[in-house]
Amino acid sequence: MSLNKIFSGMQISSSGLAGERLRMEVAANNIANVHSTRTPEGGAYRRQRVSFQAVMNDTLSAGVSPDADTLKGVRVLGVTPDESPLTKIHDPGHPDADASGFVEMPNVSLPQEMVDLVTASRAYEANLKSMETFRQMAEQSLALLRDSR
């Protein structure tokens, strides 16, 4: 049995850790820009979203049954802007107000970002617990091998 097969569980959890860490960073960035009405690209800040894809889907769509060699966790497809409409508020004194006194505000919802942050944190913890369990199992296996000599 190759080491790749033995450590495939760790690789799957590792991909989940990396993906959830990115999701937490993006949510934190969205929260930090909740009042940003001017960006380098022009206009108000647009909420960012992280898209994932299970790498196993590549295998299943090819008609191959999954095994330790084909299960690879998740892949981040990208961070994309949320195209939902921006809100407008009436604030004639704002430097970014239009001729009518309206300012385009970011499409960031603090409750939604907090939910995303908490769910990403919980998923990160679950992947971390999975890695810890694998480590404990590996240590117990090594101890059994030592004791059997």
N, C-alpha and C. Protein backbone atom coordinates (compact mmCIF):
# COMPACT_ATOMS: atom_id res chain seq x y z
N MET A 1 0.86 -1.18 0.00
CA MET A 1 0.00 0.00 0.00
C MET A 1 0.90 1.24 0.00
N SER A 2 0.62 2.15 -0.91
CA SER A 2 1.46 3.34 -1.02
C SER A 2 1.09 4.35 0.06
N LEU A 3 2.04 5.24 0.35
CA LEU A 3 1.79 6.29 1.33
C LEU A 3 0.69 7.23 0.88
N ASN A 4 0.54 7.41 -0.44
CA ASN A 4 -0.54 8.28 -0.93
C ASN A 4 -1.90 7.77 -0.50
N LYS A 5 -2.09 6.45 -0.55
CA LYS A 5 -3.37 5.89 -0.14
C LYS A 5 -3.57 6.04 1.37
N ILE A 6 -2.48 5.88 2.12
CA ILE A 6 -2.59 5.98 3.56
C ILE A 6 -2.94 7.41 3.98
N PHE A 7 -2.34 8.39 3.32
CA PHE A 7 -2.53 9.78 3.73
C PHE A 7 -3.62 10.50 2.93
N SER A 8 -4.42 9.79 2.15
CA SER A 8 -5.45 10.45 1.36
C SER A 8 -6.47 11.18 2.25
N GLY A 9 -6.78 10.61 3.41
CA GLY A 9 -7.71 11.27 4.34
C GLY A 9 -7.16 12.61 4.81
N MET A 10 -5.86 12.65 5.06
CA MET A 10 -5.23 13.90 5.47
C MET A 10 -5.28 14.92 4.33
N GLN A 11 -5.08 14.47 3.11
CA GLN A 11 -5.10 15.38 1.96
C GLN A 11 -6.50 15.95 1.74
N ILE A 12 -7.50 15.12 1.94
CA ILE A 12 -8.89 15.59 1.79
C ILE A 12 -9.19 16.66 2.85
N SER A 13 -8.83 16.38 4.10
CA SER A 13 -9.06 17.35 5.18
C SER A 13 -8.26 18.62 4.94
N SER A 14 -7.04 18.46 4.43
CA SER A 14 -6.19 19.62 4.16
C SER A 14 -6.81 20.52 3.10
N SER A 15 -7.41 19.93 2.07
CA SER A 15 -8.06 20.76 1.05
C SER A 15 -9.25 21.50 1.64
N GLY A 16 -9.98 20.83 2.55
CA GLY A 16 -11.10 21.49 3.22
C GLY A 16 -10.63 22.63 4.11
N LEU A 17 -9.52 22.42 4.83
CA LEU A 17 -8.97 23.48 5.68
C LEU A 17 -8.61 24.70 4.85
N ALA A 18 -7.94 24.48 3.73
CA ALA A 18 -7.52 25.61 2.88
C ALA A 18 -8.73 26.35 2.32
N GLY A 19 -9.74 25.60 1.88
CA GLY A 19 -10.94 26.23 1.33
C GLY A 19 -11.71 27.03 2.37
N GLU A 20 -11.87 26.47 3.56
CA GLU A 20 -12.62 27.17 4.60
C GLU A 20 -11.84 28.37 5.13
N ARG A 21 -10.51 28.28 5.16
CA ARG A 21 -9.71 29.43 5.56
C ARG A 21 -9.93 30.58 4.59
N LEU A 22 -9.94 30.27 3.28
CA LEU A 22 -10.18 31.30 2.27
C LEU A 22 -11.59 31.88 2.43
N ARG A 23 -12.57 31.03 2.72
CA ARG A 23 -13.94 31.51 2.90
C ARG A 23 -14.04 32.46 4.09
N MET A 24 -13.29 32.16 5.17
CA MET A 24 -13.29 33.06 6.33
C MET A 24 -12.61 34.39 5.99
N GLU A 25 -11.53 34.33 5.22
CA GLU A 25 -10.84 35.56 4.82
C GLU A 25 -11.73 36.43 3.95
N VAL A 26 -12.46 35.82 3.02
CA VAL A 26 -13.35 36.57 2.14
C VAL A 26 -14.49 37.19 2.95
N ALA A 27 -15.06 36.44 3.88
CA ALA A 27 -16.15 36.99 4.73
C ALA A 27 -15.63 38.15 5.56
N ALA A 28 -14.43 38.02 6.11
CA ALA A 28 -13.85 39.12 6.90
C ALA A 28 -13.60 40.35 6.02
N ASN A 29 -13.16 40.13 4.80
CA ASN A 29 -12.95 41.23 3.86
C ASN A 29 -14.27 41.91 3.51
N ASN A 30 -15.32 41.11 3.33
CA ASN A 30 -16.64 41.68 3.06
C ASN A 30 -17.11 42.54 4.22
N ILE A 31 -16.91 42.06 5.44
CA ILE A 31 -17.31 42.82 6.63
C ILE A 31 -16.52 44.12 6.72
N ALA A 32 -15.23 44.05 6.41
CA ALA A 32 -14.38 45.24 6.47
C ALA A 32 -14.81 46.30 5.46
N ASN A 33 -15.44 45.88 4.37
CA ASN A 33 -15.81 46.82 3.31
C ASN A 33 -17.31 47.12 3.28
N VAL A 34 -18.00 46.90 4.39
CA VAL A 34 -19.45 47.08 4.43
C VAL A 34 -19.87 48.51 4.12
N HIS A 35 -18.99 49.50 4.32
CA HIS A 35 -19.33 50.89 4.05
C HIS A 35 -18.46 51.51 2.95
N SER A 36 -17.76 50.68 2.17
CA SER A 36 -16.87 51.21 1.13
C SER A 36 -17.68 51.60 -0.11
N THR A 37 -17.77 52.88 -0.35
CA THR A 37 -18.55 53.37 -1.49
C THR A 37 -17.67 53.66 -2.70
N ARG A 38 -16.37 53.54 -2.54
CA ARG A 38 -15.46 53.82 -3.65
C ARG A 38 -14.37 52.76 -3.68
N THR A 39 -14.22 52.09 -4.82
CA THR A 39 -13.19 51.07 -4.99
C THR A 39 -12.26 51.49 -6.12
N PRO A 40 -11.09 50.87 -6.23
CA PRO A 40 -10.18 51.19 -7.34
C PRO A 40 -10.82 50.95 -8.72
N GLU A 41 -11.75 49.98 -8.78
CA GLU A 41 -12.44 49.69 -10.05
C GLU A 41 -13.54 50.70 -10.34
N GLY A 42 -13.90 51.49 -9.34
CA GLY A 42 -14.98 52.46 -9.47
C GLY A 42 -16.27 51.91 -8.89
N GLY A 43 -17.03 52.75 -8.27
CA GLY A 43 -18.31 52.35 -7.69
C GLY A 43 -18.15 51.74 -6.31
N ALA A 44 -19.26 51.30 -5.78
CA ALA A 44 -19.29 50.72 -4.44
C ALA A 44 -18.70 49.31 -4.45
N TYR A 45 -18.25 48.88 -3.29
CA TYR A 45 -17.71 47.54 -3.12
C TYR A 45 -18.79 46.51 -3.37
N ARG A 46 -18.44 45.43 -4.05
CA ARG A 46 -19.36 44.31 -4.27
C ARG A 46 -18.91 43.14 -3.41
N ARG A 47 -19.87 42.54 -2.74
CA ARG A 47 -19.61 41.37 -1.90
C ARG A 47 -18.92 40.29 -2.73
N GLN A 48 -17.95 39.61 -2.12
CA GLN A 48 -17.24 38.53 -2.79
C GLN A 48 -17.74 37.19 -2.26
N ARG A 49 -17.72 36.18 -3.14
CA ARG A 49 -18.15 34.83 -2.77
C ARG A 49 -17.09 33.83 -3.21
N VAL A 50 -16.94 32.77 -2.43
CA VAL A 50 -16.00 31.69 -2.77
C VAL A 50 -16.82 30.54 -3.33
N SER A 51 -16.36 29.99 -4.46
CA SER A 51 -17.03 28.84 -5.08
C SER A 51 -16.14 27.61 -4.94
N PHE A 52 -16.74 26.50 -4.48
CA PHE A 52 -16.03 25.24 -4.32
C PHE A 52 -16.55 24.21 -5.31
N GLN A 53 -15.73 23.21 -5.53
CA GLN A 53 -16.16 22.05 -6.30
C GLN A 53 -15.55 20.82 -5.65
N ALA A 54 -16.36 19.78 -5.46
CA ALA A 54 -15.82 18.52 -4.95
C ALA A 54 -15.01 17.87 -6.07
N VAL A 55 -13.79 17.53 -5.78
CA VAL A 55 -12.93 16.92 -6.79
C VAL A 55 -13.45 15.54 -7.15
N MET A 56 -14.17 14.91 -6.24
CA MET A 56 -14.75 13.60 -6.51
C MET A 56 -15.71 13.66 -7.69
N ASN A 57 -16.36 14.78 -7.94
CA ASN A 57 -17.29 14.89 -9.06
C ASN A 57 -16.62 14.57 -10.38
N ASP A 58 -15.34 14.92 -10.54
CA ASP A 58 -14.62 14.59 -11.77
C ASP A 58 -14.60 13.08 -11.98
N THR A 59 -14.40 12.36 -10.90
CA THR A 59 -14.31 10.91 -10.97
C THR A 59 -15.68 10.29 -11.24
N LEU A 60 -16.69 10.75 -10.53
CA LEU A 60 -18.02 10.17 -10.70
C LEU A 60 -18.58 10.44 -12.08
N SER A 61 -18.30 11.61 -12.64
CA SER A 61 -18.82 11.92 -13.97
C SER A 61 -18.15 11.07 -15.04
N ALA A 62 -16.96 10.54 -14.75
CA ALA A 62 -16.26 9.68 -15.70
C ALA A 62 -16.73 8.24 -15.58
N GLY A 63 -17.63 7.94 -14.63
CA GLY A 63 -18.17 6.60 -14.47
C GLY A 63 -17.27 5.67 -13.69
N VAL A 64 -16.29 6.20 -12.98
CA VAL A 64 -15.37 5.39 -12.20
C VAL A 64 -15.82 5.42 -10.75
N SER A 65 -15.83 4.26 -10.08
CA SER A 65 -16.20 4.28 -8.67
C SER A 65 -15.06 4.85 -7.85
N PRO A 66 -15.38 5.70 -6.88
CA PRO A 66 -14.32 6.37 -6.11
C PRO A 66 -13.57 5.41 -5.20
N ASP A 67 -12.28 5.62 -5.08
CA ASP A 67 -11.45 4.92 -4.11
C ASP A 67 -10.47 5.92 -3.53
N ALA A 68 -9.52 5.45 -2.75
CA ALA A 68 -8.59 6.35 -2.07
C ALA A 68 -7.75 7.17 -3.04
N ASP A 69 -7.54 6.65 -4.25
CA ASP A 69 -6.74 7.39 -5.23
C ASP A 69 -7.52 8.51 -5.90
N THR A 70 -8.85 8.39 -5.94
CA THR A 70 -9.63 9.37 -6.69
C THR A 70 -10.29 10.43 -5.82
N LEU A 71 -10.42 10.16 -4.52
CA LEU A 71 -11.02 11.15 -3.62
C LEU A 71 -9.96 12.17 -3.24
N LYS A 72 -10.17 13.41 -3.62
CA LYS A 72 -9.15 14.43 -3.40
C LYS A 72 -9.65 15.63 -2.62
N GLY A 73 -10.86 15.61 -2.12
CA GLY A 73 -11.36 16.73 -1.32
C GLY A 73 -12.10 17.75 -2.16
N VAL A 74 -11.80 19.03 -1.90
CA VAL A 74 -12.46 20.11 -2.60
C VAL A 74 -11.43 20.98 -3.30
N ARG A 75 -11.92 21.69 -4.28
CA ARG A 75 -11.09 22.63 -5.03
C ARG A 75 -11.81 23.97 -5.02
N VAL A 76 -11.06 25.04 -4.80
CA VAL A 76 -11.64 26.38 -4.87
C VAL A 76 -11.67 26.77 -6.34
N LEU A 77 -12.87 27.01 -6.85
CA LEU A 77 -13.01 27.42 -8.25
C LEU A 77 -12.64 28.89 -8.44
N GLY A 78 -12.91 29.68 -7.40
CA GLY A 78 -12.56 31.09 -7.50
C GLY A 78 -13.35 31.95 -6.53
N VAL A 79 -12.93 33.19 -6.47
CA VAL A 79 -13.63 34.20 -5.68
C VAL A 79 -14.26 35.15 -6.69
N THR A 80 -15.58 35.23 -6.65
CA THR A 80 -16.31 36.03 -7.63
C THR A 80 -17.17 37.08 -6.94
N PRO A 81 -17.40 38.19 -7.63
CA PRO A 81 -18.28 39.22 -7.04
C PRO A 81 -19.74 38.79 -7.09
N ASP A 82 -20.47 39.15 -6.06
CA ASP A 82 -21.91 38.91 -5.99
C ASP A 82 -22.58 40.00 -6.83
N GLU A 83 -23.32 39.60 -7.83
CA GLU A 83 -23.93 40.56 -8.75
C GLU A 83 -25.31 41.03 -8.31
N SER A 84 -25.69 40.79 -7.06
CA SER A 84 -26.97 41.29 -6.58
C SER A 84 -26.94 42.82 -6.59
N PRO A 85 -28.11 43.45 -6.67
CA PRO A 85 -28.12 44.91 -6.80
C PRO A 85 -27.55 45.62 -5.58
N LEU A 86 -26.91 46.74 -5.84
CA LEU A 86 -26.40 47.59 -4.78
C LEU A 86 -27.55 48.42 -4.24
N THR A 87 -27.51 48.72 -2.96
CA THR A 87 -28.57 49.55 -2.37
C THR A 87 -28.19 51.02 -2.53
N LYS A 88 -29.21 51.87 -2.58
CA LYS A 88 -28.98 53.32 -2.66
C LYS A 88 -29.59 53.96 -1.43
N ILE A 89 -28.82 54.87 -0.85
CA ILE A 89 -29.34 55.63 0.29
C ILE A 89 -29.25 57.11 -0.06
N HIS A 90 -30.13 57.87 0.54
CA HIS A 90 -30.13 59.32 0.29
C HIS A 90 -29.23 59.99 1.32
N ASP A 91 -28.11 60.52 0.84
CA ASP A 91 -27.14 61.22 1.70
C ASP A 91 -26.47 62.30 0.85
N PRO A 92 -27.14 63.45 0.68
CA PRO A 92 -26.62 64.48 -0.21
C PRO A 92 -25.25 65.03 0.19
N GLY A 93 -24.87 64.91 1.44
CA GLY A 93 -23.58 65.42 1.89
C GLY A 93 -22.41 64.46 1.67
N HIS A 94 -22.70 63.26 1.22
CA HIS A 94 -21.65 62.25 1.00
C HIS A 94 -20.83 62.61 -0.23
N PRO A 95 -19.50 62.44 -0.18
CA PRO A 95 -18.67 62.79 -1.33
C PRO A 95 -18.96 61.98 -2.59
N ASP A 96 -19.54 60.78 -2.44
CA ASP A 96 -19.84 59.94 -3.61
C ASP A 96 -21.31 60.03 -4.03
N ALA A 97 -22.05 61.00 -3.52
CA ALA A 97 -23.46 61.14 -3.87
C ALA A 97 -23.60 61.63 -5.31
N ASP A 98 -24.65 61.12 -5.99
CA ASP A 98 -24.91 61.58 -7.36
C ASP A 98 -25.64 62.92 -7.31
N ALA A 99 -26.08 63.41 -8.46
CA ALA A 99 -26.74 64.71 -8.54
C ALA A 99 -28.03 64.76 -7.73
N SER A 100 -28.69 63.61 -7.56
CA SER A 100 -29.93 63.54 -6.78
C SER A 100 -29.69 63.36 -5.29
N GLY A 101 -28.42 63.18 -4.89
CA GLY A 101 -28.09 63.00 -3.49
C GLY A 101 -28.08 61.56 -3.02
N PHE A 102 -28.15 60.61 -3.97
CA PHE A 102 -28.14 59.19 -3.61
C PHE A 102 -26.73 58.61 -3.73
N VAL A 103 -26.40 57.71 -2.80
CA VAL A 103 -25.10 57.05 -2.76
C VAL A 103 -25.32 55.55 -2.90
N GLU A 104 -24.58 54.91 -3.82
CA GLU A 104 -24.63 53.45 -3.93
C GLU A 104 -23.81 52.85 -2.80
N MET A 105 -24.45 51.95 -2.06
CA MET A 105 -23.79 51.28 -0.95
C MET A 105 -23.50 49.83 -1.32
N PRO A 106 -22.50 49.21 -0.69
CA PRO A 106 -22.17 47.82 -0.98
C PRO A 106 -23.34 46.88 -0.72
N ASN A 107 -23.34 45.75 -1.43
CA ASN A 107 -24.39 44.75 -1.27
C ASN A 107 -24.00 43.72 -0.20
N VAL A 108 -23.36 44.19 0.86
CA VAL A 108 -22.90 43.33 1.95
C VAL A 108 -23.94 43.38 3.08
N SER A 109 -24.36 42.21 3.52
CA SER A 109 -25.30 42.09 4.64
C SER A 109 -24.52 41.51 5.83
N LEU A 110 -24.40 42.27 6.89
CA LEU A 110 -23.64 41.80 8.06
C LEU A 110 -24.16 40.48 8.62
N PRO A 111 -25.47 40.29 8.77
CA PRO A 111 -25.94 38.98 9.28
C PRO A 111 -25.52 37.82 8.37
N GLN A 112 -25.63 38.02 7.07
CA GLN A 112 -25.24 36.97 6.13
C GLN A 112 -23.74 36.67 6.23
N GLU A 113 -22.93 37.71 6.36
CA GLU A 113 -21.48 37.52 6.48
C GLU A 113 -21.12 36.82 7.78
N MET A 114 -21.83 37.14 8.86
CA MET A 114 -21.56 36.48 10.13
C MET A 114 -21.93 35.00 10.07
N VAL A 115 -23.04 34.69 9.40
CA VAL A 115 -23.42 33.29 9.22
C VAL A 115 -22.36 32.57 8.39
N ASP A 116 -21.90 33.19 7.31
CA ASP A 116 -20.84 32.59 6.49
C ASP A 116 -19.57 32.38 7.30
N LEU A 117 -19.23 33.35 8.12
CA LEU A 117 -18.03 33.26 8.94
C LEU A 117 -18.14 32.13 9.96
N VAL A 118 -19.28 32.01 10.61
CA VAL A 118 -19.47 30.95 11.61
C VAL A 118 -19.49 29.58 10.95
N THR A 119 -20.19 29.44 9.82
CA THR A 119 -20.24 28.12 9.16
C THR A 119 -18.87 27.72 8.62
N ALA A 120 -18.12 28.68 8.09
CA ALA A 120 -16.77 28.37 7.62
C ALA A 120 -15.88 27.97 8.79
N SER A 121 -16.05 28.65 9.93
CA SER A 121 -15.27 28.32 11.12
C SER A 121 -15.59 26.91 11.61
N ARG A 122 -16.87 26.56 11.62
CA ARG A 122 -17.28 25.22 12.06
C ARG A 122 -16.77 24.15 11.09
N ALA A 123 -16.83 24.41 9.80
CA ALA A 123 -16.32 23.46 8.82
C ALA A 123 -14.81 23.30 8.96
N TYR A 124 -14.12 24.40 9.25
CA TYR A 124 -12.68 24.35 9.47
C TYR A 124 -12.38 23.47 10.69
N GLU A 125 -13.14 23.68 11.77
CA GLU A 125 -12.96 22.87 12.98
C GLU A 125 -13.21 21.39 12.70
N ALA A 126 -14.23 21.08 11.89
CA ALA A 126 -14.54 19.69 11.57
C ALA A 126 -13.38 19.05 10.79
N ASN A 127 -12.82 19.77 9.84
CA ASN A 127 -11.68 19.24 9.09
C ASN A 127 -10.47 19.06 9.99
N LEU A 128 -10.28 19.98 10.91
CA LEU A 128 -9.17 19.89 11.86
C LEU A 128 -9.36 18.67 12.77
N LYS A 129 -10.58 18.44 13.23
CA LYS A 129 -10.88 17.28 14.07
C LYS A 129 -10.64 15.99 13.30
N SER A 130 -10.99 15.98 12.03
CA SER A 130 -10.75 14.82 11.19
C SER A 130 -9.26 14.51 11.09
N MET A 131 -8.45 15.55 10.93
CA MET A 131 -7.00 15.36 10.86
C MET A 131 -6.47 14.85 12.20
N GLU A 132 -6.99 15.38 13.29
CA GLU A 132 -6.57 14.95 14.62
C GLU A 132 -6.92 13.47 14.84
N THR A 133 -8.10 13.07 14.43
CA THR A 133 -8.52 11.67 14.56
C THR A 133 -7.61 10.77 13.74
N PHE A 134 -7.27 11.19 12.53
CA PHE A 134 -6.37 10.40 11.69
C PHE A 134 -5.01 10.27 12.38
N ARG A 135 -4.52 11.34 12.96
CA ARG A 135 -3.23 11.30 13.64
C ARG A 135 -3.27 10.32 14.80
N GLN A 136 -4.35 10.35 15.59
CA GLN A 136 -4.48 9.43 16.72
C GLN A 136 -4.54 7.98 16.25
N MET A 137 -5.27 7.74 15.15
CA MET A 137 -5.35 6.38 14.61
C MET A 137 -3.98 5.90 14.14
N ALA A 138 -3.23 6.78 13.50
CA ALA A 138 -1.90 6.41 13.02
C ALA A 138 -0.97 6.11 14.20
N GLU A 139 -1.05 6.92 15.27
CA GLU A 139 -0.23 6.67 16.46
C GLU A 139 -0.59 5.34 17.10
N GLN A 140 -1.89 5.04 17.19
CA GLN A 140 -2.32 3.76 17.78
C GLN A 140 -1.87 2.59 16.92
N SER A 141 -1.93 2.75 15.60
CA SER A 141 -1.47 1.68 14.70
C SER A 141 0.02 1.42 14.89
N LEU A 142 0.79 2.48 14.99
CA LEU A 142 2.23 2.33 15.21
C LEU A 142 2.52 1.68 16.57
N ALA A 143 1.74 2.06 17.58
CA ALA A 143 1.92 1.44 18.90
C ALA A 143 1.60 -0.04 18.85
N LEU A 144 0.57 -0.43 18.13
CA LEU A 144 0.23 -1.85 17.99
C LEU A 144 1.35 -2.59 17.27
N LEU A 145 1.91 -1.97 16.25
CA LEU A 145 3.01 -2.61 15.53
C LEU A 145 4.24 -2.79 16.43
N ARG A 146 4.53 -1.78 17.26
CA ARG A 146 5.65 -1.88 18.19
C ARG A 146 5.42 -2.97 19.23
N ASP A 147 4.18 -3.05 19.75
CA ASP A 147 3.86 -4.01 20.78
C ASP A 147 3.84 -5.46 20.25
N SER A 148 3.59 -5.61 18.96
CA SER A 148 3.51 -6.96 18.40
C SER A 148 4.88 -7.57 18.14
N ARG A 149 5.92 -6.82 18.29
CA ARG A 149 7.28 -7.35 18.06
C ARG A 149 7.74 -8.17 19.18
